[in-house]
């Protein structure tokens, strides 16, 4: 299940394909080349999703959907290592998912 935060409140998305079909989604993002702008949502799946950070690319069952300052969106596994984006995202998550 995916929970997205928007100006209209929280939205539940059931299919991962709906996320990857978003116009700004980037499934292979270099975390050293972009800065995090905001946390868009979080996901929890029984089957793991490959982390989109080029420095990780490991499967994770939980993670975050984030937006970079360049407008690209991507997913970060909850335990993605070696990434400023991943490190920042873990510290930015609040009870109600919001921006950093």
PDB file of N, CA and C in Angstrom:
ATOM      1  N   UNK A   1       0.841  -1.176   0.000  1.00  0.00           N
ATOM      2  CA  UNK A   1       0.000   0.000   0.000  1.00  0.00           C
ATOM      3  C   UNK A   1       0.886   1.239   0.000  1.00  0.00           C
ATOM      4  N   UNK A   2       0.459   2.231  -0.720  1.00  0.00           N
ATOM      5  CA  UNK A   2       1.200   3.482  -0.840  1.00  0.00           C
ATOM      6  C   UNK A   2       0.325   4.602  -0.304  1.00  0.00           C
ATOM      7  N   UNK A   3       0.891   5.427   0.530  1.00  0.00           N
ATOM      8  CA  UNK A   3       0.188   6.598   1.057  1.00  0.00           C
ATOM      9  C   UNK A   3       0.887   7.839   0.534  1.00  0.00           C
ATOM     10  N   UNK A   4       0.156   8.666  -0.221  1.00  0.00           N
ATOM     11  CA  UNK A   4       0.701   9.899  -0.763  1.00  0.00           C
ATOM     12  C   UNK A   4       0.101  11.088  -0.029  1.00  0.00           C
ATOM     13  N   UNK A   5       0.933  12.067   0.231  1.00  0.00           N
ATOM     14  CA  UNK A   5       0.504  13.308   0.857  1.00  0.00           C
ATOM     15  C   UNK A   5       0.335  14.351  -0.243  1.00  0.00           C
ATOM     16  N   UNK A   6      -0.827  14.997  -0.282  1.00  0.00           N
ATOM     17  CA  UNK A   6      -1.047  16.039  -1.284  1.00  0.00           C
ATOM     18  C   UNK A   6      -1.763  17.208  -0.623  1.00  0.00           C
ATOM     19  N   UNK A   7      -1.995  18.250  -1.394  1.00  0.00           N
ATOM     20  CA  UNK A   7      -2.707  19.401  -0.848  1.00  0.00           C
ATOM     21  C   UNK A   7      -4.156  19.060  -0.498  1.00  0.00           C
ATOM     22  N   UNK A   8      -4.637  17.916  -0.976  1.00  0.00           N
ATOM     23  CA  UNK A   8      -5.997  17.465  -0.668  1.00  0.00           C
ATOM     24  C   UNK A   8      -6.032  16.478   0.493  1.00  0.00           C
ATOM     25  N   UNK A   9      -4.867  16.207   1.098  1.00  0.00           N
ATOM     26  CA  UNK A   9      -4.800  15.257   2.200  1.00  0.00           C
ATOM     27  C   UNK A   9      -4.088  13.987   1.783  1.00  0.00           C
ATOM     28  N   UNK A  10      -4.296  12.938   2.558  1.00  0.00           N
ATOM     29  CA  UNK A  10      -3.651  11.658   2.277  1.00  0.00           C
ATOM     30  C   UNK A  10      -4.457  10.870   1.255  1.00  0.00           C
ATOM     31  N   UNK A  11      -3.755  10.262   0.304  1.00  0.00           N
ATOM     32  CA  UNK A  11      -4.364   9.441  -0.738  1.00  0.00           C
ATOM     33  C   UNK A  11      -3.722   8.064  -0.709  1.00  0.00           C
ATOM     34  N   UNK A  12      -4.523   7.020  -0.770  1.00  0.00           N
ATOM     35  CA  UNK A  12      -4.005   5.651  -0.820  1.00  0.00           C
ATOM     36  C   UNK A  12      -3.935   5.184  -2.269  1.00  0.00           C
ATOM     37  N   UNK A  13      -2.811   4.608  -2.629  1.00  0.00           N
ATOM     38  CA  UNK A  13      -2.595   4.055  -3.963  1.00  0.00           C
ATOM     39  C   UNK A  13      -2.238   2.588  -3.766  1.00  0.00           C
ATOM     40  N   UNK A  14      -2.893   1.703  -4.477  1.00  0.00           N
ATOM     41  CA  UNK A  14      -2.669   0.278  -4.270  1.00  0.00           C
ATOM     42  C   UNK A  14      -1.624  -0.330  -5.184  1.00  0.00           C
ATOM     43  N   UNK A  15      -1.464   0.204  -6.375  1.00  0.00           N
ATOM     44  CA  UNK A  15      -0.580  -0.431  -7.361  1.00  0.00           C
ATOM     45  C   UNK A  15       0.711   0.349  -7.551  1.00  0.00           C
ATOM     46  N   UNK A  16       1.823  -0.355  -7.520  1.00  0.00           N
ATOM     47  CA  UNK A  16       3.122   0.267  -7.739  1.00  0.00           C
ATOM     48  C   UNK A  16       3.214   0.865  -9.143  1.00  0.00           C
ATOM     49  N   UNK A  17       2.553   0.235 -10.110  1.00  0.00           N
ATOM     50  CA  UNK A  17       2.551   0.736 -11.486  1.00  0.00           C
ATOM     51  C   UNK A  17       1.997   2.152 -11.570  1.00  0.00           C
ATOM     52  N   UNK A  18       1.055   2.489 -10.691  1.00  0.00           N
ATOM     53  CA  UNK A  18       0.505   3.844 -10.689  1.00  0.00           C
ATOM     54  C   UNK A  18       1.563   4.873 -10.283  1.00  0.00           C
ATOM     55  N   UNK A  19       2.517   4.458  -9.483  1.00  0.00           N
ATOM     56  CA  UNK A  19       3.602   5.356  -9.073  1.00  0.00           C
ATOM     57  C   UNK A  19       4.625   5.491 -10.197  1.00  0.00           C
ATOM     58  N   UNK A  20       5.038   4.380 -10.756  1.00  0.00           N
ATOM     59  CA  UNK A  20       6.062   4.442 -11.808  1.00  0.00           C
ATOM     60  C   UNK A  20       5.545   5.119 -13.081  1.00  0.00           C
ATOM     61  N   UNK A  21       4.225   5.210 -13.244  1.00  0.00           N
ATOM     62  CA  UNK A  21       3.633   5.872 -14.410  1.00  0.00           C
ATOM     63  C   UNK A  21       3.516   7.385 -14.218  1.00  0.00           C
ATOM     64  N   UNK A  22       3.814   7.869 -13.018  1.00  0.00           N
ATOM     65  CA  UNK A  22       3.737   9.322 -12.789  1.00  0.00           C
ATOM     66  C   UNK A  22       4.759  10.019 -13.692  1.00  0.00           C
ATOM     67  N   UNK A  23       4.405  11.182 -14.258  1.00  0.00           N
ATOM     68  CA  UNK A  23       5.270  11.857 -15.229  1.00  0.00           C
ATOM     69  C   UNK A  23       6.689  12.152 -14.736  1.00  0.00           C
ATOM     70  N   UNK A  24       6.875  12.452 -13.462  1.00  0.00           N
ATOM     71  CA  UNK A  24       8.200  12.806 -12.967  1.00  0.00           C
ATOM     72  C   UNK A  24       8.970  11.669 -12.345  1.00  0.00           C
ATOM     73  N   UNK A  25       8.434  10.434 -12.415  1.00  0.00           N
ATOM     74  CA  UNK A  25       9.094   9.327 -11.720  1.00  0.00           C
ATOM     75  C   UNK A  25      10.383   8.918 -12.418  1.00  0.00           C
ATOM     76  N   UNK A  26      11.437   8.730 -11.631  1.00  0.00           N
ATOM     77  CA  UNK A  26      12.730   8.290 -12.131  1.00  0.00           C
ATOM     78  C   UNK A  26      13.129   7.040 -11.353  1.00  0.00           C
ATOM     79  N   UNK A  27      13.195   5.911 -12.019  1.00  0.00           N
ATOM     80  CA  UNK A  27      13.489   4.643 -11.363  1.00  0.00           C
ATOM     81  C   UNK A  27      14.962   4.357 -11.153  1.00  0.00           C
ATOM     82  N   UNK A  28      15.828   5.307 -11.502  1.00  0.00           N
ATOM     83  CA  UNK A  28      17.270   5.132 -11.306  1.00  0.00           C
ATOM     84  C   UNK A  28      17.892   6.514 -11.137  1.00  0.00           C
ATOM     85  N   UNK A  29      17.867   7.007  -9.910  1.00  0.00           N
ATOM     86  CA  UNK A  29      18.295   8.376  -9.617  1.00  0.00           C
ATOM     87  C   UNK A  29      19.637   8.380  -8.894  1.00  0.00           C
ATOM     88  N   UNK A  30      20.539   9.242  -9.331  1.00  0.00           N
ATOM     89  CA  UNK A  30      21.844   9.390  -8.692  1.00  0.00           C
ATOM     90  C   UNK A  30      21.700  10.335  -7.501  1.00  0.00           C
ATOM     91  N   UNK A  31      21.808   9.837  -6.268  1.00  0.00           N
ATOM     92  CA  UNK A  31      21.587  10.676  -5.090  1.00  0.00           C
ATOM     93  C   UNK A  31      22.654  11.746  -4.883  1.00  0.00           C
ATOM     94  N   UNK A  32      23.793  11.612  -5.540  1.00  0.00           N
ATOM     95  CA  UNK A  32      24.833  12.634  -5.396  1.00  0.00           C
ATOM     96  C   UNK A  32      24.587  13.817  -6.324  1.00  0.00           C
ATOM     97  N   UNK A  33      23.660  13.673  -7.262  1.00  0.00           N
ATOM     98  CA  UNK A  33      23.419  14.712  -8.255  1.00  0.00           C
ATOM     99  C   UNK A  33      22.187  15.563  -7.964  1.00  0.00           C
ATOM    100  N   UNK A  34      21.409  15.188  -6.957  1.00  0.00           N
ATOM    101  CA  UNK A  34      20.173  15.926  -6.666  1.00  0.00           C
ATOM    102  C   UNK A  34      20.022  16.147  -5.165  1.00  0.00           C
ATOM    103  N   UNK A  35      19.172  17.124  -4.817  1.00  0.00           N
ATOM    104  CA  UNK A  35      18.865  17.392  -3.423  1.00  0.00           C
ATOM    105  C   UNK A  35      17.397  17.076  -3.156  1.00  0.00           C
ATOM    106  N   UNK A  36      17.118  16.592  -1.969  1.00  0.00           N
ATOM    107  CA  UNK A  36      15.756  16.274  -1.580  1.00  0.00           C
ATOM    108  C   UNK A  36      14.957  17.547  -1.347  1.00  0.00           C
ATOM    109  N   UNK A  37      13.747  17.574  -1.900  1.00  0.00           N
ATOM    110  CA  UNK A  37      12.854  18.698  -1.665  1.00  0.00           C
ATOM    111  C   UNK A  37      11.775  18.330  -0.656  1.00  0.00           C
ATOM    112  N   UNK A  38      11.158  17.158  -0.853  1.00  0.00           N
ATOM    113  CA  UNK A  38      10.067  16.788   0.051  1.00  0.00           C
ATOM    114  C   UNK A  38       9.802  15.290   0.021  1.00  0.00           C
ATOM    115  N   UNK A  39       9.140  14.839   1.068  1.00  0.00           N
ATOM    116  CA  UNK A  39       8.664  13.465   1.141  1.00  0.00           C
ATOM    117  C   UNK A  39       7.242  13.479   0.583  1.00  0.00           C
ATOM    118  N   UNK A  40       6.982  12.707  -0.450  1.00  0.00           N
ATOM    119  CA  UNK A  40       5.651  12.650  -1.054  1.00  0.00           C
ATOM    120  C   UNK A  40       4.763  11.611  -0.395  1.00  0.00           C
ATOM    121  N   UNK A  41       5.381  10.576   0.155  1.00  0.00           N
ATOM    122  CA  UNK A  41       4.591   9.512   0.746  1.00  0.00           C
ATOM    123  C   UNK A  41       5.468   8.375   1.220  1.00  0.00           C
ATOM    124  N   UNK A  42       4.810   7.304   1.602  1.00  0.00           N
ATOM    125  CA  UNK A  42       5.523   6.114   2.065  1.00  0.00           C
ATOM    126  C   UNK A  42       4.855   4.883   1.471  1.00  0.00           C
ATOM    127  N   UNK A  43       5.596   3.785   1.465  1.00  0.00           N
ATOM    128  CA  UNK A  43       5.023   2.542   0.955  1.00  0.00           C
ATOM    129  C   UNK A  43       5.430   1.365   1.827  1.00  0.00           C
ATOM    130  N   UNK A  44       4.541   0.380   1.846  1.00  0.00           N
ATOM    131  CA  UNK A  44       4.777  -0.891   2.523  1.00  0.00           C
ATOM    132  C   UNK A  44       4.175  -1.961   1.628  1.00  0.00           C
ATOM    133  N   UNK A  45       5.016  -2.931   1.218  1.00  0.00           N
ATOM    134  CA  UNK A  45       4.564  -4.026   0.373  1.00  0.00           C
ATOM    135  C   UNK A  45       5.072  -5.347   0.927  1.00  0.00           C
ATOM    136  N   UNK A  46       4.331  -6.392   0.706  1.00  0.00           N
ATOM    137  CA  UNK A  46       4.790  -7.736   1.063  1.00  0.00           C
ATOM    138  C   UNK A  46       5.981  -8.122   0.195  1.00  0.00           C
ATOM    139  N   UNK A  47       5.878  -7.823  -1.099  1.00  0.00           N
ATOM    140  CA  UNK A  47       6.991  -8.069  -2.027  1.00  0.00           C
ATOM    141  C   UNK A  47       7.862  -6.818  -2.076  1.00  0.00           C
ATOM    142  N   UNK A  48       9.164  -7.017  -2.073  1.00  0.00           N
ATOM    143  CA  UNK A  48      10.098  -5.897  -2.068  1.00  0.00           C
ATOM    144  C   UNK A  48      10.097  -5.144  -3.395  1.00  0.00           C
ATOM    145  N   UNK A  49      10.368  -3.843  -3.284  1.00  0.00           N
ATOM    146  CA  UNK A  49      10.503  -2.950  -4.428  1.00  0.00           C
ATOM    147  C   UNK A  49      11.981  -2.563  -4.502  1.00  0.00           C
ATOM    148  N   UNK A  50      12.541  -2.552  -5.701  1.00  0.00           N
ATOM    149  CA  UNK A  50      13.942  -2.167  -5.861  1.00  0.00           C
ATOM    150  C   UNK A  50      14.095  -0.674  -5.586  1.00  0.00           C
ATOM    151  N   UNK A  51      15.035  -0.338  -4.718  1.00  0.00           N
ATOM    152  CA  UNK A  51      15.346   1.054  -4.411  1.00  0.00           C
ATOM    153  C   UNK A  51      15.842   1.732  -5.686  1.00  0.00           C
ATOM    154  N   UNK A  52      15.333   2.921  -5.969  1.00  0.00           N
ATOM    155  CA  UNK A  52      15.686   3.612  -7.204  1.00  0.00           C
ATOM    156  C   UNK A  52      16.994   4.381  -7.120  1.00  0.00           C
ATOM    157  N   UNK A  53      17.593   4.456  -5.934  1.00  0.00           N
ATOM    158  CA  UNK A  53      18.863   5.169  -5.823  1.00  0.00           C
ATOM    159  C   UNK A  53      19.971   4.343  -6.460  1.00  0.00           C
ATOM    160  N   UNK A  54      20.700   4.966  -7.354  1.00  0.00           N
ATOM    161  CA  UNK A  54      21.757   4.242  -8.063  1.00  0.00           C
ATOM    162  C   UNK A  54      22.826   3.717  -7.111  1.00  0.00           C
ATOM    163  N   UNK A  55      22.954   4.300  -5.930  1.00  0.00           N
ATOM    164  CA  UNK A  55      23.938   3.855  -4.947  1.00  0.00           C
ATOM    165  C   UNK A  55      23.445   2.682  -4.105  1.00  0.00           C
ATOM    166  N   UNK A  56      22.190   2.299  -4.276  1.00  0.00           N
ATOM    167  CA  UNK A  56      21.621   1.215  -3.463  1.00  0.00           C
ATOM    168  C   UNK A  56      21.146   0.057  -4.342  1.00  0.00           C
ATOM    169  N   UNK A  57      20.043   0.253  -5.062  1.00  0.00           N
ATOM    170  CA  UNK A  57      19.458  -0.730  -5.967  1.00  0.00           C
ATOM    171  C   UNK A  57      19.142  -2.066  -5.290  1.00  0.00           C
ATOM    172  N   UNK A  58      18.894  -2.026  -3.973  1.00  0.00           N
ATOM    173  CA  UNK A  58      18.542  -3.231  -3.219  1.00  0.00           C
ATOM    174  C   UNK A  58      17.024  -3.281  -3.038  1.00  0.00           C
ATOM    175  N   UNK A  59      16.452  -4.469  -2.875  1.00  0.00           N
ATOM    176  CA  UNK A  59      15.012  -4.574  -2.632  1.00  0.00           C
ATOM    177  C   UNK A  59      14.664  -4.197  -1.194  1.00  0.00           C
ATOM    178  N   UNK A  60      13.571  -3.468  -1.051  1.00  0.00           N
ATOM    179  CA  UNK A  60      13.067  -3.055   0.260  1.00  0.00           C
ATOM    180  C   UNK A  60      11.553  -3.225   0.275  1.00  0.00           C
ATOM    181  N   UNK A  61      11.006  -3.686   1.366  1.00  0.00           N
ATOM    182  CA  UNK A  61       9.560  -3.820   1.501  1.00  0.00           C
ATOM    183  C   UNK A  61       8.886  -2.549   1.979  1.00  0.00           C
ATOM    184  N   UNK A  62       9.696  -1.639   2.542  1.00  0.00           N
ATOM    185  CA  UNK A  62       9.185  -0.364   3.050  1.00  0.00           C
ATOM    186  C   UNK A  62      10.076   0.745   2.528  1.00  0.00           C
ATOM    187  N   UNK A  63       9.477   1.899   2.337  1.00  0.00           N
ATOM    188  CA  UNK A  63      10.285   3.020   1.893  1.00  0.00           C
ATOM    189  C   UNK A  63       9.475   4.280   1.729  1.00  0.00           C
ATOM    190  N   UNK A  64      10.095   5.241   1.076  1.00  0.00           N
ATOM    191  CA  UNK A  64       9.500   6.562   0.904  1.00  0.00           C
ATOM    192  C   UNK A  64       9.499   6.953  -0.566  1.00  0.00           C
ATOM    193  N   UNK A  65       8.506   7.716  -0.942  1.00  0.00           N
ATOM    194  CA  UNK A  65       8.475   8.359  -2.244  1.00  0.00           C
ATOM    195  C   UNK A  65       8.892   9.793  -1.988  1.00  0.00           C
ATOM    196  N   UNK A  66       9.891  10.256  -2.721  1.00  0.00           N
ATOM    197  CA  UNK A  66      10.420  11.586  -2.485  1.00  0.00           C
ATOM    198  C   UNK A  66      10.459  12.384  -3.779  1.00  0.00           C
ATOM    199  N   UNK A  67      10.511  13.693  -3.609  1.00  0.00           N
ATOM    200  CA  UNK A  67      10.659  14.593  -4.743  1.00  0.00           C
ATOM    201  C   UNK A  67      11.970  15.336  -4.573  1.00  0.00           C
ATOM    202  N   UNK A  68      12.761  15.365  -5.633  1.00  0.00           N
ATOM    203  CA  UNK A  68      14.018  16.086  -5.619  1.00  0.00           C
ATOM    204  C   UNK A  68      13.775  17.527  -6.082  1.00  0.00           C
ATOM    205  N   UNK A  69      14.710  18.394  -5.772  1.00  0.00           N
ATOM    206  CA  UNK A  69      14.570  19.800  -6.158  1.00  0.00           C
ATOM    207  C   UNK A  69      14.521  20.000  -7.660  1.00  0.00           C
ATOM    208  N   UNK A  70      15.012  19.020  -8.423  1.00  0.00           N
ATOM    209  CA  UNK A  70      14.952  19.124  -9.884  1.00  0.00           C
ATOM    210  C   UNK A  70      13.599  18.674 -10.441  1.00  0.00           C
ATOM    211  N   UNK A  71      12.660  18.318  -9.550  1.00  0.00           N
ATOM    212  CA  UNK A  71      11.322  17.931  -9.967  1.00  0.00           C
ATOM    213  C   UNK A  71      11.116  16.436 -10.159  1.00  0.00           C
ATOM    214  N   UNK A  72      12.192  15.664 -10.184  1.00  0.00           N
ATOM    215  CA  UNK A  72      12.078  14.218 -10.347  1.00  0.00           C
ATOM    216  C   UNK A  72      11.546  13.590  -9.064  1.00  0.00           C
ATOM    217  N   UNK A  73      10.789  12.515  -9.215  1.00  0.00           N
ATOM    218  CA  UNK A  73      10.279  11.741  -8.089  1.00  0.00           C
ATOM    219  C   UNK A  73      10.936  10.369  -8.127  1.00  0.00           C
ATOM    220  N   UNK A  74      11.167   9.789  -6.953  1.00  0.00           N
ATOM    221  CA  UNK A  74      11.767   8.465  -6.903  1.00  0.00           C
ATOM    222  C   UNK A  74      11.401   7.782  -5.594  1.00  0.00           C
ATOM    223  N   UNK A  75      11.764   6.520  -5.494  1.00  0.00           N
ATOM    224  CA  UNK A  75      11.524   5.782  -4.254  1.00  0.00           C
ATOM    225  C   UNK A  75      12.852   5.465  -3.584  1.00  0.00           C
ATOM    226  N   UNK A  76      12.837   5.565  -2.270  1.00  0.00           N
ATOM    227  CA  UNK A  76      14.008   5.272  -1.451  1.00  0.00           C
ATOM    228  C   UNK A  76      13.607   4.186  -0.470  1.00  0.00           C
ATOM    229  N   UNK A  77      14.309   3.075  -0.506  1.00  0.00           N
ATOM    230  CA  UNK A  77      14.063   2.024   0.475  1.00  0.00           C
ATOM    231  C   UNK A  77      14.357   2.523   1.873  1.00  0.00           C
ATOM    232  N   UNK A  78      13.589   2.061   2.844  1.00  0.00           N
ATOM    233  CA  UNK A  78      13.727   2.555   4.215  1.00  0.00           C
ATOM    234  C   UNK A  78      15.135   2.404   4.758  1.00  0.00           C
ATOM    235  N   UNK A  79      15.854   1.390   4.326  1.00  0.00           N
ATOM    236  CA  UNK A  79      17.198   1.157   4.854  1.00  0.00           C
ATOM    237  C   UNK A  79      18.271   1.388   3.799  1.00  0.00           C
ATOM    238  N   UNK A  80      17.972   2.173   2.774  1.00  0.00           N
ATOM    239  CA  UNK A  80      18.968   2.455   1.738  1.00  0.00           C
ATOM    240  C   UNK A  80      20.189   3.099   2.379  1.00  0.00           C
ATOM    241  N   UNK A  81      21.342   2.578   2.036  1.00  0.00           N
ATOM    242  CA  UNK A  81      22.586   3.073   2.644  1.00  0.00           C
ATOM    243  C   UNK A  81      23.402   3.887   1.651  1.00  0.00           C
ATOM    244  N   UNK A  82      24.308   4.679   2.202  1.00  0.00           N
ATOM    245  CA  UNK A  82      25.259   5.402   1.372  1.00  0.00           C
ATOM    246  C   UNK A  82      24.646   6.519   0.565  1.00  0.00           C
ATOM    247  N   UNK A  83      23.594   7.138   1.085  1.00  0.00           N
ATOM    248  CA  UNK A  83      22.921   8.160   0.310  1.00  0.00           C
ATOM    249  C   UNK A  83      22.520   9.328   1.180  1.00  0.00           C
ATOM    250  N   UNK A  84      22.855  10.521   0.737  1.00  0.00           N
ATOM    251  CA  UNK A  84      22.412  11.723   1.424  1.00  0.00           C
ATOM    252  C   UNK A  84      20.896  11.810   1.366  1.00  0.00           C
ATOM    253  N   UNK A  85      20.312  11.456   0.223  1.00  0.00           N
ATOM    254  CA  UNK A  85      18.850  11.484   0.102  1.00  0.00           C
ATOM    255  C   UNK A  85      18.210  10.532   1.096  1.00  0.00           C
ATOM    256  N   UNK A  86      18.715   9.321   1.187  1.00  0.00           N
ATOM    257  CA  UNK A  86      18.126   8.341   2.102  1.00  0.00           C
ATOM    258  C   UNK A  86      18.300   8.794   3.541  1.00  0.00           C
ATOM    259  N   UNK A  87      19.465   9.288   3.878  1.00  0.00           N
ATOM    260  CA  UNK A  87      19.724   9.757   5.231  1.00  0.00           C
ATOM    261  C   UNK A  87      18.800  10.914   5.575  1.00  0.00           C
ATOM    262  N   UNK A  88      18.658  11.856   4.661  1.00  0.00           N
ATOM    263  CA  UNK A  88      17.793  12.999   4.885  1.00  0.00           C
ATOM    264  C   UNK A  88      16.346  12.568   5.025  1.00  0.00           C
ATOM    265  N   UNK A  89      15.901  11.627   4.195  1.00  0.00           N
ATOM    266  CA  UNK A  89      14.497  11.224   4.235  1.00  0.00           C
ATOM    267  C   UNK A  89      14.142  10.602   5.569  1.00  0.00           C
ATOM    268  N   UNK A  90      15.045   9.826   6.155  1.00  0.00           N
ATOM    269  CA  UNK A  90      14.749   9.206   7.448  1.00  0.00           C
ATOM    270  C   UNK A  90      14.569  10.252   8.533  1.00  0.00           C
ATOM    271  N   UNK A  91      15.268  11.378   8.415  1.00  0.00           N
ATOM    272  CA  UNK A  91      15.183  12.415   9.433  1.00  0.00           C
ATOM    273  C   UNK A  91      14.050  13.401   9.170  1.00  0.00           C
ATOM    274  N   UNK A  92      13.478  13.376   7.984  1.00  0.00           N
ATOM    275  CA  UNK A  92      12.435  14.338   7.622  1.00  0.00           C
ATOM    276  C   UNK A  92      11.030  13.815   7.849  1.00  0.00           C
ATOM    277  N   UNK A  93      10.865  12.526   8.005  1.00  0.00           N
ATOM    278  CA  UNK A  93       9.530  11.963   8.146  1.00  0.00           C
ATOM    279  C   UNK A  93       8.949  12.373   9.493  1.00  0.00           C
ATOM    280  N   UNK A  94       7.745  12.890   9.431  1.00  0.00           N
ATOM    281  CA  UNK A  94       7.049  13.328  10.632  1.00  0.00           C
ATOM    282  C   UNK A  94       5.771  12.493  10.746  1.00  0.00           C
ATOM    283  N   UNK A  95       5.056  12.581  11.879  1.00  0.00           N
ATOM    284  CA  UNK A  95       3.819  11.798  12.010  1.00  0.00           C
ATOM    285  C   UNK A  95       2.878  11.961  10.818  1.00  0.00           C
ATOM    286  N   UNK A  96       2.706  13.184  10.335  1.00  0.00           N
ATOM    287  CA  UNK A  96       1.975  13.390   9.087  1.00  0.00           C
ATOM    288  C   UNK A  96       3.039  13.694   8.057  1.00  0.00           C
ATOM    289  N   UNK A  97       3.163  12.868   7.062  1.00  0.00           N
ATOM    290  CA  UNK A  97       4.237  13.008   6.093  1.00  0.00           C
ATOM    291  C   UNK A  97       4.191  14.401   5.502  1.00  0.00           C
ATOM    292  N   UNK A  98       5.336  15.081   5.529  1.00  0.00           N
ATOM    293  CA  UNK A  98       5.393  16.435   5.013  1.00  0.00           C
ATOM    294  C   UNK A  98       6.725  16.730   4.391  1.00  0.00           C
ATOM    295  N   UNK A  99       7.037  17.992   4.279  1.00  0.00           N
ATOM    296  CA  UNK A  99       8.288  18.379   3.648  1.00  0.00           C
ATOM    297  C   UNK A  99       9.382  18.485   4.693  1.00  0.00           C
ATOM    298  N   UNK A 100      10.610  18.521   4.219  1.00  0.00           N
ATOM    299  CA  UNK A 100      11.767  18.639   5.109  1.00  0.00           C
ATOM    300  C   UNK A 100      11.870  20.055   5.643  1.00  0.00           C
TER     301      UNK A 100
END
